[in-house]
Amino acid sequence: MLVIRMRKQGSKKRPFFRVVVTDSRTARDSKFVEIVGHYNPRTKPEKVTIDRERISYWVGKGAQLSDTVRTLLVRHPDAPAPGAEVPAGSPAAGATATAS
């Protein structure tokens, strides 16, 4: 069975995660089928990019979402897709309001 879960990357004490489609029997950091997003909890605000079209495709093929990925999708409904243009001034761009 296929699952959509997070794969840990980065060096010691500096993790970031890839959201991947993989077989449920494989280890957390082993081979995968496709990368469908990224999550970096170390930036303020957290940086999330998710390709919802590909997630919908894989869920349609029978893949199950892990609890963590499901929570990530709920908490970040406006996360841009990888490679998508982020509008200037949007919260996803990390822009801060300045007082004049």
PDB file of N, CA and C in Angstrom:
ATOM      1  N   MET A   1       0.840  -1.175   0.000  1.00  0.00           N
ATOM      2  CA  MET A   1       0.000   0.000   0.000  1.00  0.00           C
ATOM      3  C   MET A   1       0.890   1.245   0.000  1.00  0.00           C
ATOM      4  N   LEU A   2       0.479   2.259  -0.727  1.00  0.00           N
ATOM      5  CA  LEU A   2       1.210   3.522  -0.784  1.00  0.00           C
ATOM      6  C   LEU A   2       0.734   4.461   0.320  1.00  0.00           C
ATOM      7  N   VAL A   3       1.676   5.217   0.874  1.00  0.00           N
ATOM      8  CA  VAL A   3       1.351   6.231   1.872  1.00  0.00           C
ATOM      9  C   VAL A   3       2.032   7.540   1.486  1.00  0.00           C
ATOM     10  N   ILE A   4       1.440   8.638   1.918  1.00  0.00           N
ATOM     11  CA  ILE A   4       2.046   9.957   1.738  1.00  0.00           C
ATOM     12  C   ILE A   4       2.488  10.387   3.123  1.00  0.00           C
ATOM     13  N   ARG A   5       3.810  10.489   3.315  1.00  0.00           N
ATOM     14  CA  ARG A   5       4.349  10.803   4.626  1.00  0.00           C
ATOM     15  C   ARG A   5       5.559  11.713   4.503  1.00  0.00           C
ATOM     16  N   MET A   6       6.094  12.102   5.662  1.00  0.00           N
ATOM     17  CA  MET A   6       7.231  13.016   5.680  1.00  0.00           C
ATOM     18  C   MET A   6       8.533  12.226   5.777  1.00  0.00           C
ATOM     19  N   ARG A   7       9.530  12.711   5.055  1.00  0.00           N
ATOM     20  CA  ARG A   7      10.857  12.101   5.036  1.00  0.00           C
ATOM     21  C   ARG A   7      11.839  13.130   5.569  1.00  0.00           C
ATOM     22  N   LYS A   8      12.557  12.779   6.622  1.00  0.00           N
ATOM     23  CA  LYS A   8      13.463  13.726   7.273  1.00  0.00           C
ATOM     24  C   LYS A   8      14.722  13.925   6.451  1.00  0.00           C
ATOM     25  N   GLN A   9      15.137  15.188   6.314  1.00  0.00           N
ATOM     26  CA  GLN A   9      16.345  15.580   5.605  1.00  0.00           C
ATOM     27  C   GLN A   9      17.092  16.569   6.481  1.00  0.00           C
ATOM     28  N   GLY A  10      18.241  17.025   6.041  1.00  0.00           N
ATOM     29  CA  GLY A  10      18.985  18.034   6.768  1.00  0.00           C
ATOM     30  C   GLY A  10      20.011  17.424   7.695  1.00  0.00           C
ATOM     31  N   SER A  11      20.820  18.293   8.287  1.00  0.00           N
ATOM     32  CA  SER A  11      21.875  17.836   9.177  1.00  0.00           C
ATOM     33  C   SER A  11      21.348  17.721  10.608  1.00  0.00           C
ATOM     34  N   LYS A  12      22.225  17.301  11.477  1.00  0.00           N
ATOM     35  CA  LYS A  12      21.867  17.100  12.875  1.00  0.00           C
ATOM     36  C   LYS A  12      21.346  18.401  13.494  1.00  0.00           C
ATOM     37  N   LYS A  13      20.209  18.316  14.134  1.00  0.00           N
ATOM     38  CA  LYS A  13      19.537  19.437  14.804  1.00  0.00           C
ATOM     39  C   LYS A  13      19.095  20.549  13.859  1.00  0.00           C
ATOM     40  N   ARG A  14      19.078  20.307  12.551  1.00  0.00           N
ATOM     41  CA  ARG A  14      18.589  21.274  11.560  1.00  0.00           C
ATOM     42  C   ARG A  14      17.702  20.555  10.551  1.00  0.00           C
ATOM     43  N   PRO A  15      16.607  19.952  11.015  1.00  0.00           N
ATOM     44  CA  PRO A  15      15.804  19.141  10.105  1.00  0.00           C
ATOM     45  C   PRO A  15      14.906  19.973   9.194  1.00  0.00           C
ATOM     46  N   PHE A  16      14.680  19.447   8.020  1.00  0.00           N
ATOM     47  CA  PHE A  16      13.569  19.869   7.189  1.00  0.00           C
ATOM     48  C   PHE A  16      13.017  18.588   6.596  1.00  0.00           C
ATOM     49  N   PHE A  17      11.832  18.652   6.032  1.00  0.00           N
ATOM     50  CA  PHE A  17      11.155  17.438   5.618  1.00  0.00           C
ATOM     51  C   PHE A  17      10.683  17.525   4.180  1.00  0.00           C
ATOM     52  N   ARG A  18      10.702  16.394   3.505  1.00  0.00           N
ATOM     53  CA  ARG A  18      10.072  16.253   2.203  1.00  0.00           C
ATOM     54  C   ARG A  18       8.788  15.460   2.408  1.00  0.00           C
ATOM     55  N   VAL A  19       7.737  15.863   1.723  1.00  0.00           N
ATOM     56  CA  VAL A  19       6.499  15.103   1.731  1.00  0.00           C
ATOM     57  C   VAL A  19       6.585  14.182   0.526  1.00  0.00           C
ATOM     58  N   VAL A  20       6.588  12.868   0.763  1.00  0.00           N
ATOM     59  CA  VAL A  20       6.828  11.910  -0.300  1.00  0.00           C
ATOM     60  C   VAL A  20       5.733  10.853  -0.367  1.00  0.00           C
ATOM     61  N   VAL A  21       5.612  10.258  -1.541  1.00  0.00           N
ATOM     62  CA  VAL A  21       4.761   9.091  -1.740  1.00  0.00           C
ATOM     63  C   VAL A  21       5.692   7.890  -1.705  1.00  0.00           C
ATOM     64  N   THR A  22       5.403   6.932  -0.838  1.00  0.00           N
ATOM     65  CA  THR A  22       6.272   5.774  -0.678  1.00  0.00           C
ATOM     66  C   THR A  22       5.461   4.542  -0.298  1.00  0.00           C
ATOM     67  N   ASP A  23       6.089   3.395  -0.361  1.00  0.00           N
ATOM     68  CA  ASP A  23       5.455   2.161   0.080  1.00  0.00           C
ATOM     69  C   ASP A  23       5.413   2.159   1.601  1.00  0.00           C
ATOM     70  N   SER A  24       4.349   1.680   2.186  1.00  0.00           N
ATOM     71  CA  SER A  24       4.194   1.718   3.637  1.00  0.00           C
ATOM     72  C   SER A  24       5.189   0.820   4.358  1.00  0.00           C
ATOM     73  N   ARG A  25       5.771  -0.138   3.671  1.00  0.00           N
ATOM     74  CA  ARG A  25       6.695  -1.081   4.319  1.00  0.00           C
ATOM     75  C   ARG A  25       8.135  -0.580   4.352  1.00  0.00           C
ATOM     76  N   THR A  26       8.449   0.493   3.644  1.00  0.00           N
ATOM     77  CA  THR A  26       9.821   0.985   3.600  1.00  0.00           C
ATOM     78  C   THR A  26      10.136   1.818   4.837  1.00  0.00           C
ATOM     79  N   ALA A  27      11.418   1.974   5.120  1.00  0.00           N
ATOM     80  CA  ALA A  27      11.865   2.794   6.246  1.00  0.00           C
ATOM     81  C   ALA A  27      11.590   4.268   5.962  1.00  0.00           C
ATOM     82  N   ARG A  28      11.619   5.075   7.010  1.00  0.00           N
ATOM     83  CA  ARG A  28      11.272   6.493   6.876  1.00  0.00           C
ATOM     84  C   ARG A  28      12.126   7.215   5.851  1.00  0.00           C
ATOM     85  N   ASP A  29      13.431   6.967   5.843  1.00  0.00           N
ATOM     86  CA  ASP A  29      14.340   7.714   4.977  1.00  0.00           C
ATOM     87  C   ASP A  29      14.837   6.911   3.785  1.00  0.00           C
ATOM     88  N   SER A  30      14.148   5.843   3.422  1.00  0.00           N
ATOM     89  CA  SER A  30      14.597   5.036   2.288  1.00  0.00           C
ATOM     90  C   SER A  30      13.946   5.522   0.995  1.00  0.00           C
ATOM     91  N   LYS A  31      13.945   4.670  -0.015  1.00  0.00           N
ATOM     92  CA  LYS A  31      13.475   5.082  -1.342  1.00  0.00           C
ATOM     93  C   LYS A  31      11.999   5.483  -1.321  1.00  0.00           C
ATOM     94  N   PHE A  32      11.629   6.270  -2.343  1.00  0.00           N
ATOM     95  CA  PHE A  32      10.264   6.776  -2.445  1.00  0.00           C
ATOM     96  C   PHE A  32       9.866   6.820  -3.910  1.00  0.00           C
ATOM     97  N   VAL A  33       8.592   7.043  -4.162  1.00  0.00           N
ATOM     98  CA  VAL A  33       8.062   7.090  -5.524  1.00  0.00           C
ATOM     99  C   VAL A  33       8.132   8.506  -6.088  1.00  0.00           C
ATOM    100  N   GLU A  34       7.680   9.502  -5.296  1.00  0.00           N
ATOM    101  CA  GLU A  34       7.629  10.877  -5.788  1.00  0.00           C
ATOM    102  C   GLU A  34       7.662  11.866  -4.623  1.00  0.00           C
ATOM    103  N   ILE A  35       8.318  12.995  -4.831  1.00  0.00           N
ATOM    104  CA  ILE A  35       8.286  14.099  -3.869  1.00  0.00           C
ATOM    105  C   ILE A  35       7.102  14.985  -4.236  1.00  0.00           C
ATOM    106  N   VAL A  36       6.196  15.219  -3.277  1.00  0.00           N
ATOM    107  CA  VAL A  36       5.025  16.054  -3.548  1.00  0.00           C
ATOM    108  C   VAL A  36       5.022  17.345  -2.739  1.00  0.00           C
ATOM    109  N   GLY A  37       6.077  17.589  -1.954  1.00  0.00           N
ATOM    110  CA  GLY A  37       6.138  18.836  -1.208  1.00  0.00           C
ATOM    111  C   GLY A  37       7.327  18.897  -0.273  1.00  0.00           C
ATOM    112  N   HIS A  38       7.470  20.067   0.383  1.00  0.00           N
ATOM    113  CA  HIS A  38       8.540  20.310   1.350  1.00  0.00           C
ATOM    114  C   HIS A  38       7.965  21.027   2.558  1.00  0.00           C
ATOM    115  N   TYR A  39       8.604  20.825   3.715  1.00  0.00           N
ATOM    116  CA  TYR A  39       8.198  21.495   4.948  1.00  0.00           C
ATOM    117  C   TYR A  39       9.442  21.830   5.746  1.00  0.00           C
ATOM    118  N   ASN A  40       9.618  23.121   6.075  1.00  0.00           N
ATOM    119  CA  ASN A  40      10.754  23.554   6.874  1.00  0.00           C
ATOM    120  C   ASN A  40      10.227  24.221   8.138  1.00  0.00           C
ATOM    121  N   PRO A  41      10.262  23.512   9.277  1.00  0.00           N
ATOM    122  CA  PRO A  41       9.726  24.081  10.513  1.00  0.00           C
ATOM    123  C   PRO A  41      10.666  25.076  11.179  1.00  0.00           C
ATOM    124  N   ARG A  42      11.909  25.215  10.716  1.00  0.00           N
ATOM    125  CA  ARG A  42      12.904  26.065  11.364  1.00  0.00           C
ATOM    126  C   ARG A  42      12.822  27.527  10.953  1.00  0.00           C
ATOM    127  N   THR A  43      12.100  27.846   9.901  1.00  0.00           N
ATOM    128  CA  THR A  43      11.959  29.243   9.490  1.00  0.00           C
ATOM    129  C   THR A  43      10.755  29.865  10.191  1.00  0.00           C
ATOM    130  N   LYS A  44      10.780  31.166  10.321  1.00  0.00           N
ATOM    131  CA  LYS A  44       9.653  31.890  10.918  1.00  0.00           C
ATOM    132  C   LYS A  44       9.098  32.832   9.879  1.00  0.00           C
ATOM    133  N   PRO A  45       7.899  32.646   9.364  1.00  0.00           N
ATOM    134  CA  PRO A  45       6.985  31.531   9.607  1.00  0.00           C
ATOM    135  C   PRO A  45       7.461  30.259   8.907  1.00  0.00           C
ATOM    136  N   GLU A  46       6.865  29.143   9.293  1.00  0.00           N
ATOM    137  CA  GLU A  46       7.221  27.859   8.685  1.00  0.00           C
ATOM    138  C   GLU A  46       7.037  27.928   7.174  1.00  0.00           C
ATOM    139  N   LYS A  47       7.947  27.315   6.434  1.00  0.00           N
ATOM    140  CA  LYS A  47       7.848  27.319   4.975  1.00  0.00           C
ATOM    141  C   LYS A  47       7.273  25.977   4.527  1.00  0.00           C
ATOM    142  N   VAL A  48       6.143  26.038   3.832  1.00  0.00           N
ATOM    143  CA  VAL A  48       5.465  24.838   3.360  1.00  0.00           C
ATOM    144  C   VAL A  48       5.167  24.998   1.883  1.00  0.00           C
ATOM    145  N   THR A  49       5.565  24.021   1.071  1.00  0.00           N
ATOM    146  CA  THR A  49       5.167  23.972  -0.335  1.00  0.00           C
ATOM    147  C   THR A  49       4.610  22.577  -0.587  1.00  0.00           C
ATOM    148  N   ILE A  50       3.392  22.530  -1.113  1.00  0.00           N
ATOM    149  CA  ILE A  50       2.713  21.255  -1.327  1.00  0.00           C
ATOM    150  C   ILE A  50       2.029  21.272  -2.689  1.00  0.00           C
ATOM    151  N   ASP A  51       2.207  20.201  -3.455  1.00  0.00           N
ATOM    152  CA  ASP A  51       1.533  20.051  -4.741  1.00  0.00           C
ATOM    153  C   ASP A  51       0.241  19.272  -4.502  1.00  0.00           C
ATOM    154  N   ARG A  52      -0.838  20.009  -4.280  1.00  0.00           N
ATOM    155  CA  ARG A  52      -2.120  19.378  -3.939  1.00  0.00           C
ATOM    156  C   ARG A  52      -2.694  18.554  -5.094  1.00  0.00           C
ATOM    157  N   GLU A  53      -2.391  18.928  -6.323  1.00  0.00           N
ATOM    158  CA  GLU A  53      -2.875  18.143  -7.465  1.00  0.00           C
ATOM    159  C   GLU A  53      -2.284  16.741  -7.441  1.00  0.00           C
ATOM    160  N   ARG A  54      -0.977  16.650  -7.170  1.00  0.00           N
ATOM    161  CA  ARG A  54      -0.321  15.337  -7.121  1.00  0.00           C
ATOM    162  C   ARG A  54      -0.799  14.519  -5.927  1.00  0.00           C
ATOM    163  N   ILE A  55      -1.059  15.194  -4.789  1.00  0.00           N
ATOM    164  CA  ILE A  55      -1.588  14.479  -3.631  1.00  0.00           C
ATOM    165  C   ILE A  55      -2.971  13.929  -3.957  1.00  0.00           C
ATOM    166  N   SER A  56      -3.804  14.733  -4.616  1.00  0.00           N
ATOM    167  CA  SER A  56      -5.136  14.259  -5.023  1.00  0.00           C
ATOM    168  C   SER A  56      -5.024  13.077  -5.975  1.00  0.00           C
ATOM    169  N   TYR A  57      -4.063  13.150  -6.902  1.00  0.00           N
ATOM    170  CA  TYR A  57      -3.838  12.050  -7.844  1.00  0.00           C
ATOM    171  C   TYR A  57      -3.507  10.766  -7.097  1.00  0.00           C
ATOM    172  N   TRP A  58      -2.560  10.836  -6.162  1.00  0.00           N
ATOM    173  CA  TRP A  58      -2.129   9.633  -5.452  1.00  0.00           C
ATOM    174  C   TRP A  58      -3.204   9.111  -4.511  1.00  0.00           C
ATOM    175  N   VAL A  59      -3.962  10.007  -3.879  1.00  0.00           N
ATOM    176  CA  VAL A  59      -5.068   9.560  -3.029  1.00  0.00           C
ATOM    177  C   VAL A  59      -6.115   8.850  -3.885  1.00  0.00           C
ATOM    178  N   GLY A  60      -6.332   9.345  -5.106  1.00  0.00           N
ATOM    179  CA  GLY A  60      -7.244   8.683  -6.035  1.00  0.00           C
ATOM    180  C   GLY A  60      -6.764   7.298  -6.442  1.00  0.00           C
ATOM    181  N   LYS A  61      -5.451   7.090  -6.418  1.00  0.00           N
ATOM    182  CA  LYS A  61      -4.875   5.778  -6.740  1.00  0.00           C
ATOM    183  C   LYS A  61      -4.845   4.849  -5.526  1.00  0.00           C
ATOM    184  N   GLY A  62      -5.281   5.348  -4.347  1.00  0.00           N
ATOM    185  CA  GLY A  62      -5.350   4.500  -3.164  1.00  0.00           C
ATOM    186  C   GLY A  62      -4.334   4.795  -2.084  1.00  0.00           C
ATOM    187  N   ALA A  63      -3.525   5.838  -2.244  1.00  0.00           N
ATOM    188  CA  ALA A  63      -2.535   6.180  -1.219  1.00  0.00           C
ATOM    189  C   ALA A  63      -3.243   6.748   0.010  1.00  0.00           C
ATOM    190  N   GLN A  64      -2.677   6.466   1.183  1.00  0.00           N
ATOM    191  CA  GLN A  64      -3.216   6.967   2.438  1.00  0.00           C
ATOM    192  C   GLN A  64      -2.333   8.097   2.948  1.00  0.00           C
ATOM    193  N   LEU A  65      -2.941   9.134   3.529  1.00  0.00           N
ATOM    194  CA  LEU A  65      -2.190  10.227   4.135  1.00  0.00           C
ATOM    195  C   LEU A  65      -1.804   9.851   5.559  1.00  0.00           C
ATOM    196  N   SER A  66      -0.572  10.168   5.957  1.00  0.00           N
ATOM    197  CA  SER A  66      -0.199   9.972   7.359  1.00  0.00           C
ATOM    198  C   SER A  66      -0.896  11.055   8.178  1.00  0.00           C
ATOM    199  N   ASP A  67      -0.985  10.841   9.487  1.00  0.00           N
ATOM    200  CA  ASP A  67      -1.633  11.821  10.353  1.00  0.00           C
ATOM    201  C   ASP A  67      -0.907  13.165  10.294  1.00  0.00           C
ATOM    202  N   THR A  68       0.416  13.138  10.230  1.00  0.00           N
ATOM    203  CA  THR A  68       1.205  14.364  10.198  1.00  0.00           C
ATOM    204  C   THR A  68       0.963  15.150   8.923  1.00  0.00           C
ATOM    205  N   VAL A  69       0.923  14.475   7.791  1.00  0.00           N
ATOM    206  CA  VAL A  69       0.683  15.158   6.513  1.00  0.00           C
ATOM    207  C   VAL A  69      -0.742  15.700   6.473  1.00  0.00           C
ATOM    208  N   ARG A  70      -1.695  14.944   6.992  1.00  0.00           N
ATOM    209  CA  ARG A  70      -3.079  15.411   7.025  1.00  0.00           C
ATOM    210  C   ARG A  70      -3.173  16.694   7.850  1.00  0.00           C
ATOM    211  N   THR A  71      -2.508  16.747   9.005  1.00  0.00           N
ATOM    212  CA  THR A  71      -2.499  17.939   9.846  1.00  0.00           C
ATOM    213  C   THR A  71      -1.824  19.110   9.135  1.00  0.00           C
ATOM    214  N   LEU A  72      -0.731  18.834   8.437  1.00  0.00           N
ATOM    215  CA  LEU A  72      -0.015  19.868   7.692  1.00  0.00           C
ATOM    216  C   LEU A  72      -0.912  20.481   6.619  1.00  0.00           C
ATOM    217  N   LEU A  73      -1.680  19.665   5.917  1.00  0.00           N
ATOM    218  CA  LEU A  73      -2.590  20.161   4.885  1.00  0.00           C
ATOM    219  C   LEU A  73      -3.701  21.022   5.478  1.00  0.00           C
ATOM    220  N   VAL A  74      -4.179  20.659   6.669  1.00  0.00           N
ATOM    221  CA  VAL A  74      -5.239  21.430   7.316  1.00  0.00           C
ATOM    222  C   VAL A  74      -4.701  22.765   7.833  1.00  0.00           C
ATOM    223  N   ARG A  75      -3.499  22.756   8.413  1.00  0.00           N
ATOM    224  CA  ARG A  75      -2.924  23.977   8.977  1.00  0.00           C
ATOM    225  C   ARG A  75      -2.454  24.975   7.930  1.00  0.00           C
ATOM    226  N   HIS A  76      -2.121  24.495   6.741  1.00  0.00           N
ATOM    227  CA  HIS A  76      -1.605  25.369   5.682  1.00  0.00           C
ATOM    228  C   HIS A  76      -2.425  25.180   4.395  1.00  0.00           C
ATOM    229  N   PRO A  77      -3.677  25.632   4.403  1.00  0.00           N
ATOM    230  CA  PRO A  77      -4.523  25.431   3.221  1.00  0.00           C
ATOM    231  C   PRO A  77      -4.094  26.253   2.010  1.00  0.00           C
ATOM    232  N   ASP A  78      -3.339  27.328   2.228  1.00  0.00           N
ATOM    233  CA  ASP A  78      -2.934  28.199   1.128  1.00  0.00           C
ATOM    234  C   ASP A  78      -1.467  28.007   0.749  1.00  0.00           C
ATOM    235  N   ALA A  79      -0.879  26.865   1.110  1.00  0.00           N
ATOM    236  CA  ALA A  79       0.523  26.604   0.787  1.00  0.00           C
ATOM    237  C   ALA A  79       0.693  26.507  -0.726  1.00  0.00           C
ATOM    238  N   PRO A  80       1.688  27.216  -1.269  1.00  0.00           N
ATOM    239  CA  PRO A  80       1.895  27.188  -2.724  1.00  0.00           C
ATOM    240  C   PRO A  80       2.472  25.858  -3.188  1.00  0.00           C
ATOM    241  N   ALA A  81       2.250  25.548  -4.446  1.00  0.00           N
ATOM    242  CA  ALA A  81       2.832  24.349  -5.046  1.00  0.00           C
ATOM    243  C   ALA A  81       4.307  24.597  -5.325  1.00  0.00           C
ATOM    244  N   PRO A  82       5.141  23.554  -5.348  1.00  0.00           N
ATOM    245  CA  PRO A  82       6.561  23.748  -5.659  1.00  0.00           C
ATOM    246  C   PRO A  82       6.725  24.399  -7.030  1.00  0.00           C
ATOM    247  N   GLY A  83       7.552  25.426  -7.100  1.00  0.00           N
ATOM    248  CA  GLY A  83       7.801  26.115  -8.360  1.00  0.00           C
ATOM    249  C   GLY A  83       6.781  27.175  -8.702  1.00  0.00           C
ATOM    250  N   ALA A  84       5.735  27.322  -7.885  1.00  0.00           N
ATOM    251  CA  ALA A  84       4.708  28.325  -8.162  1.00  0.00           C
ATOM    252  C   ALA A  84       5.191  29.694  -7.716  1.00  0.00           C
ATOM    253  N   GLU A  85       4.741  30.711  -8.422  1.00  0.00           N
ATOM    254  CA  GLU A  85       5.072  32.083  -8.059  1.00  0.00           C
ATOM    255  C   GLU A  85       4.315  32.448  -6.788  1.00  0.00           C
ATOM    256  N   VAL A  86       5.021  33.016  -5.808  1.00  0.00           N
ATOM    257  CA  VAL A  86       4.383  33.484  -4.583  1.00  0.00           C
ATOM    258  C   VAL A  86       4.184  34.981  -4.706  1.00  0.00           C
ATOM    259  N   PRO A  87       2.928  35.472  -4.618  1.00  0.00           N
ATOM    260  CA  PRO A  87       2.684  36.906  -4.760  1.00  0.00           C
ATOM    261  C   PRO A  87       3.413  37.694  -3.678  1.00  0.00           C
ATOM    262  N   ALA A  88       3.986  38.830  -4.063  1.00  0.00           N
ATOM    263  CA  ALA A  88       4.690  39.681  -3.106  1.00  0.00           C
ATOM    264  C   ALA A  88       3.696  40.205  -2.080  1.00  0.00           C
ATOM    265  N   GLY A  89       4.102  40.200  -0.825  1.00  0.00           N
ATOM    266  CA  GLY A  89       3.237  40.696   0.232  1.00  0.00           C
ATOM    267  C   GLY A  89       2.348  39.643   0.845  1.00  0.00           C
ATOM    268  N   SER A  90       2.343  38.431   0.302  1.00  0.00           N
ATOM    269  CA  SER A  90       1.503  37.378   0.879  1.00  0.00           C
ATOM    270  C   SER A  90       2.204  36.780   2.081  1.00  0.00           C
ATOM    271  N   PRO A  91       1.454  36.173   3.019  1.00  0.00           N
ATOM    272  CA  PRO A  91       2.088  35.566   4.185  1.00  0.00           C
ATOM    273  C   PRO A  91       3.056  34.462   3.803  1.00  0.00           C
ATOM    274  N   ALA A  92       2.816  33.772   2.705  1.00  0.00           N
ATOM    275  CA  ALA A  92       3.701  32.696   2.278  1.00  0.00           C
ATOM    276  C   ALA A  92       5.055  33.225   1.818  1.00  0.00           C
ATOM    277  N   ALA A  93       5.086  34.482   1.386  1.00  0.00           N
ATOM    278  CA  ALA A  93       6.353  35.074   0.930  1.00  0.00           C
ATOM    279  C   ALA A  93       7.222  35.512   2.095  1.00  0.00           C
ATOM    280  N   GLY A  94       6.660  35.511   3.308  1.00  0.00           N
ATOM    281  CA  GLY A  94       7.435  35.889   4.469  1.00  0.00           C
ATOM    282  C   GLY A  94       7.585  37.389   4.622  1.00  0.00           C
ATOM    283  N   ALA A  95       6.752  38.148   3.901  1.00  0.00           N
ATOM    284  CA  ALA A  95       6.833  39.614   3.972  1.00  0.00           C
ATOM    285  C   ALA A  95       6.287  40.088   5.302  1.00  0.00           C
ATOM    286  N   THR A  96       6.895  41.122   5.835  1.00  0.00           N
ATOM    287  CA  THR A  96       6.424  41.702   7.080  1.00  0.00           C
ATOM    288  C   THR A  96       5.898  43.107   6.810  1.00  0.00           C
ATOM    289  N   ALA A  97       4.915  43.506   7.576  1.00  0.00           N
ATOM    290  CA  ALA A  97       4.342  44.838   7.413  1.00  0.00           C
ATOM    291  C   ALA A  97       5.286  45.859   8.024  1.00  0.00           C
ATOM    292  N   THR A  98       5.459  46.965   7.340  1.00  0.00           N
ATOM    293  CA  THR A  98       6.321  48.029   7.847  1.00  0.00           C
ATOM    294  C   THR A  98       5.471  49.258   8.114  1.00  0.00           C
ATOM    295  N   ALA A  99       5.795  49.928   9.191  1.00  0.00           N
ATOM    296  CA  ALA A  99       5.079  51.157   9.537  1.00  0.00           C
ATOM    297  C   ALA A  99       5.762  52.339   8.874  1.00  0.00           C
ATOM    298  N   SER A 100       4.940  53.272   8.313  1.00  0.00           N
ATOM    299  CA  SER A 100       5.544  54.449   7.685  1.00  0.00           C
ATOM    300  C   SER A 100       5.324  55.683   8.504  1.00  0.00           C
TER     301      SER A 100
END
